[in-house]
Amino acid sequence: MRKVLLFLLISLLSSCGRKDPLGNEQIITVSIGPFKYFVEALAGNDFKVNVMVPPGSDPHIYEPFPEQINKLRRSVGYVSNGYLGFEMTWLDRFYETNKTMKKLSLGDKIDLLDHDHQHEGEHVESADPHYWVSPKCALIMAASLKDFLSELNPEKKVAYDSNYQKLVIKILNLDKKAEELFSAMGGRSFMIYHPNLGYLARDYDLVEVTVEFEGKEPPPSRLKELIDFARKERLNTIFVQKEYDAKNANAVAQEIGAKVIIIDPLSENWHDSTLEIIEQLYSSLADTVKN
């Protein structure tokens, strides 16, 4: 019902013209919070950033609210992930609502991981959409966004190029830190509820083991496999994205005497969140080496 009402609202807003009550302020809509970080790092305050999936929401099954749709209608550009579940349902409607805004899918230039399963909202995802957590993927994202912003605002191209160089240095520092920390951990496994860190694992030679089974809560047989594996590998940490219920992760953790660590890959402060994830992941892996 909510989807029907929202679709009707979209149609109504689209027919009401494009007068912007905020004046000449230019809006860019992005799918998730981390993309806001990159837009602001490159463009400063040149654009107001409208985030479709707010903090604390699941981007696989999220449904936008009217206020977000109204800002979308006034946006000059849309930056999508390209593979998140809610985009599978909504993205074509977003584009139909605002046919003049320019579009960028950050996943287009990423070497994607296969990720074929359904989530509870029945949104089919054909690839792992969590590429933004890896610094190596972030370098590709930053280059794509720099070109996109320069196209939207050509007179600021020199400034965006300069900001891009500064951003690249920050990302490369994260990449270097990850390379150094994980260099002695090659092939080691870590456990996480939902597969958020697949690209981080791939890019730094780690193995991600997920509690979630085919996009759903694991059956008892899967839980037993996880417990046996965790004991064998001496895993003492299970990571959980803060938007997810930690019940099953806690069940495994209790069985093996592990702790559950909450991570925030959807934070709008991409740099600090990614740094914290890298450090927490290294700490957990280092503990398995000591044991």
Foldseek 3Di string as FASTA:
>chain_A
DVVVVLLVLLVVLLVPDQDDPVPPAAEEEEAFQQVLLLLCLQPPRNHHYQYQADPLGQQQQDDGDSVSLNSLLNHQEYEYLPFHNVCLVPVVSSCVSHVRHYYHHLCPPDPWAADAFAAPNRRTGGTPSQQLLQLVSVLSSSVRVLVVVCVVPVVCNVSSVVSSVVVNVLSVVLVVVLLVLLVVVAAEEAEEADPNCPNVCVVNRYHYHHCADRNHHDDPVSLVVLLVVCQVLVQAEYEYEPSDDCVSVVVSNVSNVHYYDYAHCRHSNNSVRSSVVSVVVSVRSVVSVVD
